[in-house]
PDB file of N, CA and C in Angstrom:
ATOM      1  N   MET A   1       0.822  -1.199   0.000  1.00  0.00           N
ATOM      2  CA  MET A   1       0.000   0.000   0.000  1.00  0.00           C
ATOM      3  C   MET A   1       0.859   1.252   0.000  1.00  0.00           C
ATOM      4  N   LEU A   2       1.974   1.212   0.655  1.00  0.00           N
ATOM      5  CA  LEU A   2       2.871   2.359   0.694  1.00  0.00           C
ATOM      6  C   LEU A   2       3.346   2.720  -0.701  1.00  0.00           C
ATOM      7  N   PHE A   3       3.641   1.709  -1.525  1.00  0.00           N
ATOM      8  CA  PHE A   3       4.101   1.950  -2.883  1.00  0.00           C
ATOM      9  C   PHE A   3       3.046   2.714  -3.676  1.00  0.00           C
ATOM     10  N   ALA A   4       1.794   2.313  -3.571  1.00  0.00           N
ATOM     11  CA  ALA A   4       0.720   2.971  -4.314  1.00  0.00           C
ATOM     12  C   ALA A   4       0.574   4.423  -3.892  1.00  0.00           C
ATOM     13  N   SER A   5       0.719   4.715  -2.618  1.00  0.00           N
ATOM     14  CA  SER A   5       0.569   6.096  -2.183  1.00  0.00           C
ATOM     15  C   SER A   5       1.725   6.961  -2.672  1.00  0.00           C
ATOM     16  N   CYS A   6       2.887   6.372  -2.864  1.00  0.00           N
ATOM     17  CA  CYS A   6       4.015   7.124  -3.410  1.00  0.00           C
ATOM     18  C   CYS A   6       3.851   7.348  -4.904  1.00  0.00           C
ATOM     19  N   LEU A   7       3.219   6.398  -5.573  1.00  0.00           N
ATOM     20  CA  LEU A   7       3.059   6.458  -7.016  1.00  0.00           C
ATOM     21  C   LEU A   7       2.118   7.580  -7.437  1.00  0.00           C
ATOM     22  N   PHE A   8       1.050   7.786  -6.721  1.00  0.00           N
ATOM     23  CA  PHE A   8       0.060   8.785  -7.076  1.00  0.00           C
ATOM     24  C   PHE A   8       0.189   9.996  -6.164  1.00  0.00           C
ATOM     25  N   SER A   9       0.633  11.079  -6.725  1.00  0.00           N
ATOM     26  CA  SER A   9       0.839  12.298  -5.950  1.00  0.00           C
ATOM     27  C   SER A   9      -0.493  12.849  -5.453  1.00  0.00           C
ATOM     28  N   GLN A  10      -0.484  13.375  -4.264  1.00  0.00           N
ATOM     29  CA  GLN A  10      -1.689  13.957  -3.698  1.00  0.00           C
ATOM     30  C   GLN A  10      -2.069  15.279  -4.361  1.00  0.00           C
ATOM     31  N   ASP A  11      -1.147  15.891  -5.106  1.00  0.00           N
ATOM     32  CA  ASP A  11      -1.395  17.195  -5.708  1.00  0.00           C
ATOM     33  C   ASP A  11      -2.092  17.120  -7.061  1.00  0.00           C
ATOM     34  N   LEU A  12      -2.124  15.964  -7.681  1.00  0.00           N
ATOM     35  CA  LEU A  12      -2.666  15.847  -9.030  1.00  0.00           C
ATOM     36  C   LEU A  12      -4.151  15.497  -9.001  1.00  0.00           C
ATOM     37  N   ALA A  13      -4.868  16.048  -9.969  1.00  0.00           N
ATOM     38  CA  ALA A  13      -6.273  15.682 -10.126  1.00  0.00           C
ATOM     39  C   ALA A  13      -6.342  14.298 -10.763  1.00  0.00           C
ATOM     40  N   LEU A  14      -7.385  13.567 -10.438  1.00  0.00           N
ATOM     41  CA  LEU A  14      -7.583  12.252 -11.033  1.00  0.00           C
ATOM     42  C   LEU A  14      -8.515  12.361 -12.234  1.00  0.00           C
ATOM     43  N   VAL A  15      -8.300  11.502 -13.208  1.00  0.00           N
ATOM     44  CA  VAL A  15      -9.169  11.445 -14.382  1.00  0.00           C
ATOM     45  C   VAL A  15     -10.461  10.747 -13.960  1.00  0.00           C
ATOM     46  N   ARG A  16     -11.568  11.444 -14.090  1.00  0.00           N
ATOM     47  CA  ARG A  16     -12.880  10.886 -13.736  1.00  0.00           C
ATOM     48  C   ARG A  16     -13.483  10.144 -14.914  1.00  0.00           C
ATOM     49  N   SER A  17     -13.299  10.718 -16.129  1.00  0.00           N
ATOM     50  CA  SER A  17     -13.822  10.080 -17.331  1.00  0.00           C
ATOM     51  C   SER A  17     -13.036  10.559 -18.545  1.00  0.00           C
ATOM     52  N   ILE A  18     -13.128   9.771 -19.615  1.00  0.00           N
ATOM     53  CA  ILE A  18     -12.513  10.114 -20.892  1.00  0.00           C
ATOM     54  C   ILE A  18     -13.622  10.058 -21.931  1.00  0.00           C
ATOM     55  N   LYS A  19     -13.811  11.155 -22.642  1.00  0.00           N
ATOM     56  CA  LYS A  19     -14.905  11.261 -23.626  1.00  0.00           C
ATOM     57  C   LYS A  19     -14.337  11.530 -25.013  1.00  0.00           C
ATOM     58  N   PHE A  20     -15.121  11.168 -26.023  1.00  0.00           N
ATOM     59  CA  PHE A  20     -14.719  11.348 -27.419  1.00  0.00           C
ATOM     60  C   PHE A  20     -15.868  12.007 -28.180  1.00  0.00           C
ATOM     61  N   GLU A  21     -15.569  13.091 -28.907  1.00  0.00           N
ATOM     62  CA  GLU A  21     -16.576  13.800 -29.694  1.00  0.00           C
ATOM     63  C   GLU A  21     -16.223  13.728 -31.175  1.00  0.00           C
ATOM     64  N   ASN A  22     -17.222  13.509 -32.004  1.00  0.00           N
ATOM     65  CA  ASN A  22     -17.114  13.508 -33.465  1.00  0.00           C
ATOM     66  C   ASN A  22     -16.303  12.338 -34.020  1.00  0.00           C
ATOM     67  N   PHE A  23     -16.155  11.281 -33.263  1.00  0.00           N
ATOM     68  CA  PHE A  23     -15.449  10.091 -33.754  1.00  0.00           C
ATOM     69  C   PHE A  23     -16.501   9.116 -34.278  1.00  0.00           C
ATOM     70  N   LYS A  24     -17.082   9.440 -35.424  1.00  0.00           N
ATOM     71  CA  LYS A  24     -18.201   8.650 -35.937  1.00  0.00           C
ATOM     72  C   LYS A  24     -17.774   7.308 -36.527  1.00  0.00           C
ATOM     73  N   LYS A  25     -16.599   7.252 -37.146  1.00  0.00           N
ATOM     74  CA  LYS A  25     -16.167   6.020 -37.807  1.00  0.00           C
ATOM     75  C   LYS A  25     -15.346   5.101 -36.907  1.00  0.00           C
ATOM     76  N   VAL A  26     -14.994   5.595 -35.733  1.00  0.00           N
ATOM     77  CA  VAL A  26     -14.214   4.788 -34.788  1.00  0.00           C
ATOM     78  C   VAL A  26     -14.931   4.820 -33.444  1.00  0.00           C
ATOM     79  N   PRO A  27     -15.477   3.684 -33.022  1.00  0.00           N
ATOM     80  CA  PRO A  27     -16.202   3.679 -31.747  1.00  0.00           C
ATOM     81  C   PRO A  27     -15.281   3.904 -30.550  1.00  0.00           C
ATOM     82  N   PRO A  28     -15.801   4.536 -29.503  1.00  0.00           N
ATOM     83  CA  PRO A  28     -14.995   4.788 -28.306  1.00  0.00           C
ATOM     84  C   PRO A  28     -14.339   3.527 -27.750  1.00  0.00           C
ATOM     85  N   ALA A  29     -15.025   2.396 -27.802  1.00  0.00           N
ATOM     86  CA  ALA A  29     -14.448   1.153 -27.275  1.00  0.00           C
ATOM     87  C   ALA A  29     -13.177   0.780 -28.030  1.00  0.00           C
ATOM     88  N   GLU A  30     -13.159   1.005 -29.337  1.00  0.00           N
ATOM     89  CA  GLU A  30     -11.966   0.702 -30.131  1.00  0.00           C
ATOM     90  C   GLU A  30     -10.817   1.648 -29.773  1.00  0.00           C
ATOM     91  N   ILE A  31     -11.146   2.906 -29.537  1.00  0.00           N
ATOM     92  CA  ILE A  31     -10.119   3.882 -29.134  1.00  0.00           C
ATOM     93  C   ILE A  31      -9.546   3.491 -27.777  1.00  0.00           C
ATOM     94  N   LEU A  32     -10.413   3.181 -26.830  1.00  0.00           N
ATOM     95  CA  LEU A  32      -9.953   2.793 -25.488  1.00  0.00           C
ATOM     96  C   LEU A  32      -9.113   1.520 -25.530  1.00  0.00           C
ATOM     97  N   ASP A  33      -9.507   0.571 -26.388  1.00  0.00           N
ATOM     98  CA  ASP A  33      -8.712  -0.650 -26.538  1.00  0.00           C
ATOM     99  C   ASP A  33      -7.313  -0.328 -27.053  1.00  0.00           C
ATOM    100  N   ARG A  34      -7.224   0.587 -28.021  1.00  0.00           N
ATOM    101  CA  ARG A  34      -5.913   0.951 -28.572  1.00  0.00           C
ATOM    102  C   ARG A  34      -5.060   1.655 -27.518  1.00  0.00           C
ATOM    103  N   LEU A  35      -5.679   2.527 -26.733  1.00  0.00           N
ATOM    104  CA  LEU A  35      -4.936   3.223 -25.681  1.00  0.00           C
ATOM    105  C   LEU A  35      -4.374   2.220 -24.664  1.00  0.00           C
ATOM    106  N   LYS A  36      -5.183   1.233 -24.332  1.00  0.00           N
ATOM    107  CA  LYS A  36      -4.738   0.213 -23.386  1.00  0.00           C
ATOM    108  C   LYS A  36      -3.638  -0.648 -24.007  1.00  0.00           C
ATOM    109  N   GLU A  37      -3.827  -1.019 -25.261  1.00  0.00           N
ATOM    110  CA  GLU A  37      -2.845  -1.844 -25.973  1.00  0.00           C
ATOM    111  C   GLU A  37      -1.476  -1.155 -26.039  1.00  0.00           C
ATOM    112  N   ARG A  38      -1.496   0.154 -26.269  1.00  0.00           N
ATOM    113  CA  ARG A  38      -0.250   0.923 -26.372  1.00  0.00           C
ATOM    114  C   ARG A  38       0.288   1.366 -25.003  1.00  0.00           C
ATOM    115  N   GLU A  39      -0.452   0.985 -23.967  1.00  0.00           N
ATOM    116  CA  GLU A  39      -0.063   1.277 -22.587  1.00  0.00           C
ATOM    117  C   GLU A  39       0.119   2.773 -22.333  1.00  0.00           C
ATOM    118  N   THR A  40      -0.812   3.567 -22.867  1.00  0.00           N
ATOM    119  CA  THR A  40      -0.764   4.998 -22.581  1.00  0.00           C
ATOM    120  C   THR A  40      -1.089   5.197 -21.103  1.00  0.00           C
ATOM    121  N   ARG A  41      -0.593   6.282 -20.550  1.00  0.00           N
ATOM    122  CA  ARG A  41      -0.741   6.514 -19.117  1.00  0.00           C
ATOM    123  C   ARG A  41      -1.972   7.343 -18.773  1.00  0.00           C
ATOM    124  N   LEU A  42      -2.833   7.593 -19.748  1.00  0.00           N
ATOM    125  CA  LEU A  42      -4.085   8.305 -19.477  1.00  0.00           C
ATOM    126  C   LEU A  42      -5.162   7.259 -19.233  1.00  0.00           C
ATOM    127  N   ARG A  43      -5.585   7.154 -17.979  1.00  0.00           N
ATOM    128  CA  ARG A  43      -6.598   6.160 -17.619  1.00  0.00           C
ATOM    129  C   ARG A  43      -7.521   6.746 -16.560  1.00  0.00           C
ATOM    130  N   VAL A  44      -8.733   6.235 -16.539  1.00  0.00           N
ATOM    131  CA  VAL A  44      -9.702   6.663 -15.528  1.00  0.00           C
ATOM    132  C   VAL A  44      -9.183   6.268 -14.149  1.00  0.00           C
ATOM    133  N   GLU A  45      -9.318   7.204 -13.212  1.00  0.00           N
ATOM    134  CA  GLU A  45      -8.878   7.073 -11.819  1.00  0.00           C
ATOM    135  C   GLU A  45      -7.358   7.084 -11.666  1.00  0.00           C
ATOM    136  N   TRP A  46      -6.652   7.528 -12.694  1.00  0.00           N
ATOM    137  CA  TRP A  46      -5.207   7.746 -12.600  1.00  0.00           C
ATOM    138  C   TRP A  46      -4.977   9.247 -12.552  1.00  0.00           C
ATOM    139  N   PRO A  47      -3.844   9.701 -12.035  1.00  0.00           N
ATOM    140  CA  PRO A  47      -3.551  11.137 -12.009  1.00  0.00           C
ATOM    141  C   PRO A  47      -3.498  11.713 -13.425  1.00  0.00           C
ATOM    142  N   TYR A  48      -4.045  12.899 -13.575  1.00  0.00           N
ATOM    143  CA  TYR A  48      -4.022  13.576 -14.875  1.00  0.00           C
ATOM    144  C   TYR A  48      -2.744  14.397 -14.998  1.00  0.00           C
ATOM    145  N   GLN A  49      -2.080  14.213 -16.128  1.00  0.00           N
ATOM    146  CA  GLN A  49      -0.957  15.070 -16.488  1.00  0.00           C
ATOM    147  C   GLN A  49      -1.097  15.367 -17.976  1.00  0.00           C
ATOM    148  N   PRO A  50      -0.895  16.626 -18.386  1.00  0.00           N
ATOM    149  CA  PRO A  50      -1.092  16.993 -19.797  1.00  0.00           C
ATOM    150  C   PRO A  50      -0.286  16.139 -20.774  1.00  0.00           C
ATOM    151  N   GLN A  51       0.925  15.748 -20.415  1.00  0.00           N
ATOM    152  CA  GLN A  51       1.717  14.953 -21.351  1.00  0.00           C
ATOM    153  C   GLN A  51       1.091  13.573 -21.578  1.00  0.00           C
ATOM    154  N   TYR A  52       0.344  13.058 -20.615  1.00  0.00           N
ATOM    155  CA  TYR A  52      -0.345  11.781 -20.802  1.00  0.00           C
ATOM    156  C   TYR A  52      -1.468  11.940 -21.826  1.00  0.00           C
ATOM    157  N   ALA A  53      -2.169  13.068 -21.780  1.00  0.00           N
ATOM    158  CA  ALA A  53      -3.236  13.328 -22.755  1.00  0.00           C
ATOM    159  C   ALA A  53      -2.648  13.498 -24.153  1.00  0.00           C
ATOM    160  N   GLU A  54      -1.506  14.150 -24.251  1.00  0.00           N
ATOM    161  CA  GLU A  54      -0.850  14.316 -25.560  1.00  0.00           C
ATOM    162  C   GLU A  54      -0.393  12.972 -26.108  1.00  0.00           C
ATOM    163  N   GLU A  55       0.108  12.125 -25.244  1.00  0.00           N
ATOM    164  CA  GLU A  55       0.501  10.766 -25.639  1.00  0.00           C
ATOM    165  C   GLU A  55      -0.724  10.006 -26.167  1.00  0.00           C
ATOM    166  N   ALA A  56      -1.845  10.141 -25.486  1.00  0.00           N
ATOM    167  CA  ALA A  56      -3.079   9.487 -25.924  1.00  0.00           C
ATOM    168  C   ALA A  56      -3.532  10.059 -27.265  1.00  0.00           C
ATOM    169  N   ARG A  57      -3.427  11.378 -27.440  1.00  0.00           N
ATOM    170  CA  ARG A  57      -3.814  12.003 -28.714  1.00  0.00           C
ATOM    171  C   ARG A  57      -2.978  11.435 -29.862  1.00  0.00           C
ATOM    172  N   ASP A  58      -1.692  11.256 -29.648  1.00  0.00           N
ATOM    173  CA  ASP A  58      -0.824  10.689 -30.685  1.00  0.00           C
ATOM    174  C   ASP A  58      -1.260   9.267 -31.046  1.00  0.00           C
ATOM    175  N   THR A  59      -1.637   8.496 -30.043  1.00  0.00           N
ATOM    176  CA  THR A  59      -2.094   7.126 -30.278  1.00  0.00           C
ATOM    177  C   THR A  59      -3.416   7.123 -31.039  1.00  0.00           C
ATOM    178  N   ILE A  60      -4.316   8.036 -30.689  1.00  0.00           N
ATOM    179  CA  ILE A  60      -5.600   8.133 -31.400  1.00  0.00           C
ATOM    180  C   ILE A  60      -5.367   8.571 -32.842  1.00  0.00           C
ATOM    181  N   ALA A  61      -4.455   9.504 -33.052  1.00  0.00           N
ATOM    182  CA  ALA A  61      -4.140   9.963 -34.416  1.00  0.00           C
ATOM    183  C   ALA A  61      -3.592   8.812 -35.256  1.00  0.00           C
ATOM    184  N   GLU A  62      -2.774   7.981 -34.655  1.00  0.00           N
ATOM    185  CA  GLU A  62      -2.246   6.801 -35.353  1.00  0.00           C
ATOM    186  C   GLU A  62      -3.388   5.878 -35.789  1.00  0.00           C
ATOM    187  N   LEU A  63      -4.335   5.650 -34.894  1.00  0.00           N
ATOM    188  CA  LEU A  63      -5.494   4.816 -35.208  1.00  0.00           C
ATOM    189  C   LEU A  63      -6.302   5.430 -36.351  1.00  0.00           C
ATOM    190  N   LEU A  64      -6.501   6.737 -36.304  1.00  0.00           N
ATOM    191  CA  LEU A  64      -7.261   7.405 -37.359  1.00  0.00           C
ATOM    192  C   LEU A  64      -6.538   7.327 -38.706  1.00  0.00           C
ATOM    193  N   ARG A  65      -5.219   7.419 -38.699  1.00  0.00           N
ATOM    194  CA  ARG A  65      -4.462   7.254 -39.954  1.00  0.00           C
ATOM    195  C   ARG A  65      -4.719   5.874 -40.546  1.00  0.00           C
ATOM    196  N   GLU A  66      -4.758   4.867 -39.698  1.00  0.00           N
ATOM    197  CA  GLU A  66      -5.042   3.499 -40.151  1.00  0.00           C
ATOM    198  C   GLU A  66      -6.449   3.388 -40.737  1.00  0.00           C
ATOM    199  N   LYS A  67      -7.355   4.222 -40.263  1.00  0.00           N
ATOM    200  CA  LYS A  67      -8.754   4.200 -40.716  1.00  0.00           C
ATOM    201  C   LYS A  67      -9.005   5.155 -41.889  1.00  0.00           C
ATOM    202  N   GLY A  68      -7.942   5.739 -42.451  1.00  0.00           N
ATOM    203  CA  GLY A  68      -8.107   6.598 -43.617  1.00  0.00           C
ATOM    204  C   GLY A  68      -8.225   8.078 -43.334  1.00  0.00           C
ATOM    205  N   ARG A  69      -7.878   8.505 -42.140  1.00  0.00           N
ATOM    206  CA  ARG A  69      -7.917   9.933 -41.776  1.00  0.00           C
ATOM    207  C   ARG A  69      -6.513  10.422 -41.441  1.00  0.00           C
ATOM    208  N   PRO A  70      -5.617  10.532 -42.453  1.00  0.00           N
ATOM    209  CA  PRO A  70      -4.223  10.875 -42.167  1.00  0.00           C
ATOM    210  C   PRO A  70      -4.009  12.291 -41.638  1.00  0.00           C
ATOM    211  N   ASP A  71      -4.918  13.203 -41.933  1.00  0.00           N
ATOM    212  CA  ASP A  71      -4.744  14.599 -41.525  1.00  0.00           C
ATOM    213  C   ASP A  71      -5.668  15.001 -40.378  1.00  0.00           C
ATOM    214  N   ALA A  72      -6.121  14.026 -39.619  1.00  0.00           N
ATOM    215  CA  ALA A  72      -7.064  14.317 -38.531  1.00  0.00           C
ATOM    216  C   ALA A  72      -6.415  15.209 -37.474  1.00  0.00           C
ATOM    217  N   ARG A  73      -7.189  16.201 -37.047  1.00  0.00           N
ATOM    218  CA  ARG A  73      -6.754  17.082 -35.955  1.00  0.00           C
ATOM    219  C   ARG A  73      -7.620  16.787 -34.750  1.00  0.00           C
ATOM    220  N   ILE A  74      -6.960  16.624 -33.616  1.00  0.00           N
ATOM    221  CA  ILE A  74      -7.659  16.248 -32.387  1.00  0.00           C
ATOM    222  C   ILE A  74      -7.350  17.275 -31.316  1.00  0.00           C
ATOM    223  N   GLU A  75      -8.419  17.826 -30.754  1.00  0.00           N
ATOM    224  CA  GLU A  75      -8.298  18.816 -29.688  1.00  0.00           C
ATOM    225  C   GLU A  75      -8.489  18.120 -28.341  1.00  0.00           C
ATOM    226  N   ILE A  76      -7.700  18.532 -27.370  1.00  0.00           N
ATOM    227  CA  ILE A  76      -7.819  17.998 -26.007  1.00  0.00           C
ATOM    228  C   ILE A  76      -8.393  19.091 -25.118  1.00  0.00           C
ATOM    229  N   ALA A  77      -9.410  18.744 -24.344  1.00  0.00           N
ATOM    230  CA  ALA A  77      -9.977  19.687 -23.379  1.00  0.00           C
ATOM    231  C   ALA A  77     -10.178  18.963 -22.053  1.00  0.00           C
ATOM    232  N   THR A  78      -9.999  19.695 -20.972  1.00  0.00           N
ATOM    233  CA  THR A  78     -10.283  19.127 -19.657  1.00  0.00           C
ATOM    234  C   THR A  78     -11.329  19.992 -18.973  1.00  0.00           C
ATOM    235  N   LYS A  79     -12.095  19.344 -18.141  1.00  0.00           N
ATOM    236  CA  LYS A  79     -13.147  20.045 -17.417  1.00  0.00           C
ATOM    237  C   LYS A  79     -13.170  19.507 -15.986  1.00  0.00           C
ATOM    238  N   ALA A  80     -13.132  20.406 -15.020  1.00  0.00           N
ATOM    239  CA  ALA A  80     -13.242  19.991 -13.621  1.00  0.00           C
ATOM    240  C   ALA A  80     -14.675  19.532 -13.374  1.00  0.00           C
ATOM    241  N   VAL A  81     -14.829  18.317 -12.868  1.00  0.00           N
ATOM    242  CA  VAL A  81     -16.169  17.782 -12.612  1.00  0.00           C
ATOM    243  C   VAL A  81     -16.430  17.572 -11.128  1.00  0.00           C
ATOM    244  N   ALA A  82     -15.390  17.670 -10.336  1.00  0.00           N
ATOM    245  CA  ALA A  82     -15.486  17.558  -8.881  1.00  0.00           C
ATOM    246  C   ALA A  82     -14.140  18.041  -8.337  1.00  0.00           C
ATOM    247  N   PRO A  83     -14.046  18.258  -7.047  1.00  0.00           N
ATOM    248  CA  PRO A  83     -12.744  18.650  -6.516  1.00  0.00           C
ATOM    249  C   PRO A  83     -11.680  17.598  -6.849  1.00  0.00           C
ATOM    250  N   ARG A  84     -10.619  18.071  -7.502  1.00  0.00           N
ATOM    251  CA  ARG A  84      -9.497  17.216  -7.904  1.00  0.00           C
ATOM    252  C   ARG A  84      -9.906  16.050  -8.791  1.00  0.00           C
ATOM    253  N   ARG A  85     -10.937  16.252  -9.608  1.00  0.00           N
ATOM    254  CA  ARG A  85     -11.385  15.255 -10.584  1.00  0.00           C
ATOM    255  C   ARG A  85     -11.637  15.988 -11.898  1.00  0.00           C
ATOM    256  N   VAL A  86     -11.129  15.426 -13.003  1.00  0.00           N
ATOM    257  CA  VAL A  86     -11.312  16.056 -14.306  1.00  0.00           C
ATOM    258  C   VAL A  86     -11.869  15.060 -15.316  1.00  0.00           C
ATOM    259  N   GLU A  87     -12.595  15.634 -16.259  1.00  0.00           N
ATOM    260  CA  GLU A  87     -13.036  14.883 -17.424  1.00  0.00           C
ATOM    261  C   GLU A  87     -12.091  15.285 -18.557  1.00  0.00           C
ATOM    262  N   VAL A  88     -11.575  14.316 -19.284  1.00  0.00           N
ATOM    263  CA  VAL A  88     -10.714  14.575 -20.423  1.00  0.00           C
ATOM    264  C   VAL A  88     -11.527  14.290 -21.672  1.00  0.00           C
ATOM    265  N   ARG A  89     -11.557  15.283 -22.568  1.00  0.00           N
ATOM    266  CA  ARG A  89     -12.367  15.166 -23.774  1.00  0.00           C
ATOM    267  C   ARG A  89     -11.469  15.318 -24.997  1.00  0.00           C
ATOM    268  N   PHE A  90     -11.577  14.359 -25.909  1.00  0.00           N
ATOM    269  CA  PHE A  90     -10.882  14.420 -27.191  1.00  0.00           C
ATOM    270  C   PHE A  90     -11.932  14.735 -28.250  1.00  0.00           C
ATOM    271  N   LYS A  91     -11.684  15.789 -29.013  1.00  0.00           N
ATOM    272  CA  LYS A  91     -12.644  16.209 -30.034  1.00  0.00           C
ATOM    273  C   LYS A  91     -11.963  16.168 -31.397  1.00  0.00           C
ATOM    274  N   LEU A  92     -12.554  15.390 -32.308  1.00  0.00           N
ATOM    275  CA  LEU A  92     -12.061  15.308 -33.664  1.00  0.00           C
ATOM    276  C   LEU A  92     -12.577  16.529 -34.418  1.00  0.00           C
ATOM    277  N   LEU A  93     -11.660  17.375 -34.860  1.00  0.00           N
ATOM    278  CA  LEU A  93     -12.052  18.591 -35.560  1.00  0.00           C
ATOM    279  C   LEU A  93     -12.307  18.256 -37.029  1.00  0.00           C
ATOM    280  N   LYS A  94     -13.294  18.911 -37.595  1.00  0.00           N
ATOM    281  CA  LYS A  94     -13.671  18.623 -38.983  1.00  0.00           C
ATOM    282  C   LYS A  94     -12.839  19.399 -39.964  1.00  0.00           C
TER     283      LYS A  94
END
């Protein structure tokens, strides 16, 4: 238990949820599977850090390239949903 408390800093907000907007040709479950497969560090109930979201965006962009969207632009937004809890939203720009 001591190891886990050292791993997650008390100062960081936790990811409450991860949402996807305008991803019509790629279902959220497929995106989440790819993020898990690539072992990205953006996960629900893990500490949020902007570089983790950028890492996830790169992985999503790779998936979209495979699906025929080589020039896809993805915006990252965060929203506080509770004290020290954030929602991370990825929006596929048209």
